[in-house]
Structures are given as structure tokens and as C-alpha cells.
Amino acid sequence: MKIFHPILLILSTLFAPLYVFGYQNVTARDTVQIYKLLSDAYDSRMTDALLTVSKATEALKLSNTLKYETGIAEAYRTIGIGYSYQYKQADALTNYLNALSHFQSINNKLGVARVYNNIGNLYRDNDYELASENF
């Protein structure tokens, strides 16, 4: 009995990191793919807004599969950016509001600030009062 506890401790110490680090690598690899898609989408916003929307939509699907709230919120924000560059303000605002609700649900203040800035940019040319409220 005295020898059983140290052996159990040694075995659990040896095998626990393999399980934990294996799980983290799969998650990290998937989230890296999400951020790569979002980065590519954001980089193409000025040259090809349709590509921005399609890549961000792909990132949104992957984020929904993983239930990764930060990725979902950022994907909605990037889709909104793509629509705003296509001058589709209603679609952009819908996606910004979806992003805002997701960022607020996870208490991501930086994400909330970015979305409000995007909404301000959306109204900048049409309604100065509303734009200044969001900036």
C-alpha cells in the first residue's frame, strides 16, 4: 500500500501533461487557422471586399464549430467591414451589432471599442451626431 501511492503519483505526473498539451495544441492550431483567415480577410478589404466577406464567413463557420466566442465576434466584425467597403450599410450594421453582442457577452472591452469605432466609421459620412456618439 505504501508503494502504491508513489507509483500512482509518478504515473499521473508522466501522463497528465501528454493529455493536456495534446488538447491545447489542437485548439491552438484551430484558432491560428481562424486568425489567419481573419487576417487575410482584413488585409483584402480595400482591394477585394467580396473576398473579405467570404474569408470572414469561413472563419465564422470554423469558430461556430469550435464554439470560440472571440473568433465568432471578430468574424462578424470583419464581415461588417467587408460590407461597409461594399457600401452595404444595413448588412454592415447587422454584422457589427452581432459582433457587439458577442464581445459584450465575453466582456471583451477592446472588441467592443473596435465595433463602436466601426459603427462610427459607418455613420461618419451620413450622420455626424450618431458617428460622434460611437467614436
C-alpha atoms as a PDB file:
ATOM      1  CA  MET A   1       0.000   0.000   0.000  1.00  0.00           C
ATOM      2  CA  LYS A   2       2.849   2.352   0.814  1.00  0.00           C
ATOM      3  CA  ILE A   3       4.441   1.803  -2.592  1.00  0.00           C
ATOM      4  CA  PHE A   4       1.129   2.143  -4.483  1.00  0.00           C
ATOM      5  CA  HIS A   5       0.752   5.898  -3.826  1.00  0.00           C
ATOM      6  CA  PRO A   6       4.199   6.942  -5.112  1.00  0.00           C
ATOM      7  CA  ILE A   7       3.768   4.795  -8.241  1.00  0.00           C
ATOM      8  CA  LEU A   8       0.348   6.324  -8.886  1.00  0.00           C
ATOM      9  CA  LEU A   9       1.793   9.792  -8.370  1.00  0.00           C
ATOM     10  CA  ILE A  10       4.653   9.132 -10.789  1.00  0.00           C
ATOM     11  CA  LEU A  11       2.345   7.703 -13.464  1.00  0.00           C
ATOM     12  CA  SER A  12      -0.137  10.563 -13.203  1.00  0.00           C
ATOM     13  CA  THR A  13       2.742  13.060 -13.373  1.00  0.00           C
ATOM     14  CA  LEU A  14       4.055  11.408 -16.529  1.00  0.00           C
ATOM     15  CA  PHE A  15       0.781  11.050 -18.410  1.00  0.00           C
ATOM     16  CA  ALA A  16      -1.159  14.180 -17.420  1.00  0.00           C
ATOM     17  CA  PRO A  17       0.979  16.624 -19.457  1.00  0.00           C
ATOM     18  CA  LEU A  18       0.604  14.477 -22.564  1.00  0.00           C
ATOM     19  CA  TYR A  19      -3.181  14.726 -22.357  1.00  0.00           C
ATOM     20  CA  VAL A  20      -3.259  18.432 -21.507  1.00  0.00           C
ATOM     21  CA  PHE A  21      -0.693  19.602 -24.062  1.00  0.00           C
ATOM     22  CA  GLY A  22      -2.181  17.439 -26.807  1.00  0.00           C
ATOM     23  CA  TYR A  23      -5.576  19.049 -26.263  1.00  0.00           C
ATOM     24  CA  GLN A  24      -4.102  22.568 -26.217  1.00  0.00           C
ATOM     25  CA  ASN A  25      -2.217  22.041 -29.471  1.00  0.00           C
ATOM     26  CA  VAL A  26      -5.351  21.018 -31.333  1.00  0.00           C
ATOM     27  CA  THR A  27      -7.197  24.073 -30.031  1.00  0.00           C
ATOM     28  CA  ALA A  28      -4.277  26.398 -30.720  1.00  0.00           C
ATOM     29  CA  ARG A  29      -3.905  25.052 -34.257  1.00  0.00           C
ATOM     30  CA  ASP A  30      -7.593  25.640 -34.993  1.00  0.00           C
ATOM     31  CA  THR A  31      -7.629  29.149 -33.543  1.00  0.00           C
ATOM     32  CA  VAL A  32      -4.489  30.001 -35.507  1.00  0.00           C
ATOM     33  CA  GLN A  33      -6.366  28.977 -38.646  1.00  0.00           C
ATOM     34  CA  ILE A  34      -9.272  31.244 -37.645  1.00  0.00           C
ATOM     35  CA  TYR A  35      -6.968  34.213 -37.086  1.00  0.00           C
ATOM     36  CA  LYS A  36      -5.150  33.528 -40.370  1.00  0.00           C
ATOM     37  CA  LEU A  37      -8.468  33.640 -42.228  1.00  0.00           C
ATOM     38  CA  LEU A  38      -9.486  36.823 -40.432  1.00  0.00           C
ATOM     39  CA  SER A  39      -6.107  38.451 -41.093  1.00  0.00           C
ATOM     40  CA  ASP A  40      -6.304  37.596 -44.792  1.00  0.00           C
ATOM     41  CA  ALA A  41      -9.878  38.896 -44.901  1.00  0.00           C
ATOM     42  CA  TYR A  42      -8.947  42.182 -43.232  1.00  0.00           C
ATOM     43  CA  ASP A  43      -5.897  42.674 -45.457  1.00  0.00           C
ATOM     44  CA  SER A  44      -8.000  42.327 -48.614  1.00  0.00           C
ATOM     45  CA  ARG A  45     -10.713  44.784 -47.523  1.00  0.00           C
ATOM     46  CA  MET A  46      -9.524  47.658 -49.724  1.00  0.00           C
ATOM     47  CA  THR A  47      -8.803  45.643 -52.847  1.00  0.00           C
ATOM     48  CA  ASP A  48     -11.472  42.930 -52.778  1.00  0.00           C
ATOM     49  CA  ALA A  49     -14.307  43.407 -50.304  1.00  0.00           C
ATOM     50  CA  LEU A  50     -16.070  40.273 -51.583  1.00  0.00           C
ATOM     51  CA  LEU A  51     -13.023  38.217 -50.607  1.00  0.00           C
ATOM     52  CA  THR A  52     -13.107  39.881 -47.193  1.00  0.00           C
ATOM     53  CA  VAL A  53     -16.682  38.719 -46.645  1.00  0.00           C
ATOM     54  CA  SER A  54     -16.053  35.191 -47.941  1.00  0.00           C
ATOM     55  CA  LYS A  55     -12.913  34.578 -45.839  1.00  0.00           C
ATOM     56  CA  ALA A  56     -14.511  36.058 -42.720  1.00  0.00           C
ATOM     57  CA  THR A  57     -17.591  33.881 -43.293  1.00  0.00           C
ATOM     58  CA  GLU A  58     -15.318  30.840 -43.479  1.00  0.00           C
ATOM     59  CA  ALA A  59     -13.709  31.911 -40.192  1.00  0.00           C
ATOM     60  CA  LEU A  60     -17.186  32.360 -38.696  1.00  0.00           C
ATOM     61  CA  LYS A  61     -18.155  28.800 -39.649  1.00  0.00           C
ATOM     62  CA  LEU A  62     -14.979  27.392 -38.108  1.00  0.00           C
ATOM     63  CA  SER A  63     -15.454  29.498 -34.974  1.00  0.00           C
ATOM     64  CA  ASN A  64     -19.045  28.299 -34.618  1.00  0.00           C
ATOM     65  CA  THR A  65     -17.872  24.703 -34.970  1.00  0.00           C
ATOM     66  CA  LEU A  66     -15.359  25.218 -32.151  1.00  0.00           C
ATOM     67  CA  LYS A  67     -17.742  27.440 -30.136  1.00  0.00           C
ATOM     68  CA  TYR A  68     -14.918  30.002 -29.970  1.00  0.00           C
ATOM     69  CA  GLU A  69     -16.697  33.221 -28.964  1.00  0.00           C
ATOM     70  CA  THR A  70     -13.809  35.590 -29.649  1.00  0.00           C
ATOM     71  CA  GLY A  71     -13.454  34.200 -33.163  1.00  0.00           C
ATOM     72  CA  ILE A  72     -17.207  34.456 -33.745  1.00  0.00           C
ATOM     73  CA  ALA A  73     -17.274  38.092 -32.632  1.00  0.00           C
ATOM     74  CA  GLU A  74     -14.213  39.060 -34.674  1.00  0.00           C
ATOM     75  CA  ALA A  75     -15.598  37.257 -37.733  1.00  0.00           C
ATOM     76  CA  TYR A  76     -18.851  39.208 -37.510  1.00  0.00           C
ATOM     77  CA  ARG A  77     -16.868  42.448 -37.188  1.00  0.00           C
ATOM     78  CA  THR A  78     -14.725  41.596 -40.221  1.00  0.00           C
ATOM     79  CA  ILE A  79     -17.790  40.665 -42.260  1.00  0.00           C
ATOM     80  CA  GLY A  80     -19.243  44.046 -41.317  1.00  0.00           C
ATOM     81  CA  ILE A  81     -16.060  45.742 -42.507  1.00  0.00           C
ATOM     82  CA  GLY A  82     -16.322  43.916 -45.823  1.00  0.00           C
ATOM     83  CA  TYR A  83     -19.922  45.013 -46.267  1.00  0.00           C
ATOM     84  CA  SER A  84     -19.104  48.600 -45.370  1.00  0.00           C
ATOM     85  CA  TYR A  85     -16.446  48.660 -48.098  1.00  0.00           C
ATOM     86  CA  GLN A  86     -19.143  47.404 -50.497  1.00  0.00           C
ATOM     87  CA  TYR A  87     -21.395  50.289 -49.347  1.00  0.00           C
ATOM     88  CA  LYS A  88     -23.962  47.854 -47.916  1.00  0.00           C
ATOM     89  CA  GLN A  89     -24.563  49.780 -44.701  1.00  0.00           C
ATOM     90  CA  ALA A  90     -27.562  47.740 -43.499  1.00  0.00           C
ATOM     91  CA  ASP A  91     -25.669  44.441 -43.789  1.00  0.00           C
ATOM     92  CA  ALA A  92     -22.601  46.000 -42.189  1.00  0.00           C
ATOM     93  CA  LEU A  93     -24.607  47.333 -39.243  1.00  0.00           C
ATOM     94  CA  THR A  94     -26.297  43.946 -38.722  1.00  0.00           C
ATOM     95  CA  ASN A  95     -22.923  42.223 -38.502  1.00  0.00           C
ATOM     96  CA  TYR A  96     -21.485  44.946 -36.276  1.00  0.00           C
ATOM     97  CA  LEU A  97     -24.378  44.521 -33.847  1.00  0.00           C
ATOM     98  CA  ASN A  98     -23.865  40.738 -33.827  1.00  0.00           C
ATOM     99  CA  ALA A  99     -20.170  41.298 -33.104  1.00  0.00           C
ATOM    100  CA  LEU A 100     -21.032  43.784 -30.380  1.00  0.00           C
ATOM    101  CA  SER A 101     -23.330  41.343 -28.590  1.00  0.00           C
ATOM    102  CA  HIS A 102     -20.708  38.574 -28.730  1.00  0.00           C
ATOM    103  CA  PHE A 103     -17.917  40.839 -27.491  1.00  0.00           C
ATOM    104  CA  GLN A 104     -20.134  42.068 -24.649  1.00  0.00           C
ATOM    105  CA  SER A 105     -21.077  38.508 -23.675  1.00  0.00           C
ATOM    106  CA  ILE A 106     -17.409  37.603 -23.147  1.00  0.00           C
ATOM    107  CA  ASN A 107     -16.603  41.017 -21.608  1.00  0.00           C
ATOM    108  CA  ASN A 108     -14.010  41.912 -24.262  1.00  0.00           C
ATOM    109  CA  LYS A 109     -13.764  45.694 -23.907  1.00  0.00           C
ATOM    110  CA  LEU A 110     -11.224  46.120 -26.701  1.00  0.00           C
ATOM    111  CA  GLY A 111     -13.516  44.296 -29.108  1.00  0.00           C
ATOM    112  CA  VAL A 112     -16.483  46.416 -28.009  1.00  0.00           C
ATOM    113  CA  ALA A 113     -14.437  49.585 -28.591  1.00  0.00           C
ATOM    114  CA  ARG A 114     -13.409  48.413 -32.062  1.00  0.00           C
ATOM    115  CA  VAL A 115     -17.013  47.677 -33.018  1.00  0.00           C
ATOM    116  CA  TYR A 116     -18.172  51.093 -31.818  1.00  0.00           C
ATOM    117  CA  ASN A 117     -15.373  52.639 -33.875  1.00  0.00           C
ATOM    118  CA  ASN A 118     -16.537  50.669 -36.928  1.00  0.00           C
ATOM    119  CA  ILE A 119     -20.115  51.837 -36.382  1.00  0.00           C
ATOM    120  CA  GLY A 120     -18.830  55.398 -36.100  1.00  0.00           C
ATOM    121  CA  ASN A 121     -16.978  54.990 -39.401  1.00  0.00           C
ATOM    122  CA  LEU A 122     -20.171  53.671 -40.951  1.00  0.00           C
ATOM    123  CA  TYR A 123     -22.120  56.795 -39.999  1.00  0.00           C
ATOM    124  CA  ARG A 124     -19.247  59.261 -40.492  1.00  0.00           C
ATOM    125  CA  ASP A 125     -20.416  60.498 -43.894  1.00  0.00           C
ATOM    126  CA  ASN A 126     -24.168  60.441 -43.193  1.00  0.00           C
ATOM    127  CA  ASP A 127     -24.891  61.390 -39.591  1.00  0.00           C
ATOM    128  CA  TYR A 128     -22.211  63.298 -37.690  1.00  0.00           C
ATOM    129  CA  GLU A 129     -24.091  63.201 -34.373  1.00  0.00           C
ATOM    130  CA  LEU A 130     -24.511  59.425 -34.450  1.00  0.00           C
ATOM    131  CA  ALA A 131     -20.936  58.971 -35.632  1.00  0.00           C
ATOM    132  CA  SER A 132     -19.542  61.023 -32.758  1.00  0.00           C
ATOM    133  CA  GLU A 133     -21.580  59.005 -30.244  1.00  0.00           C
ATOM    134  CA  ASN A 134     -19.959  55.792 -31.474  1.00  0.00           C
ATOM    135  CA  PHE A 135     -16.435  57.163 -31.740  1.00  0.00           C
END
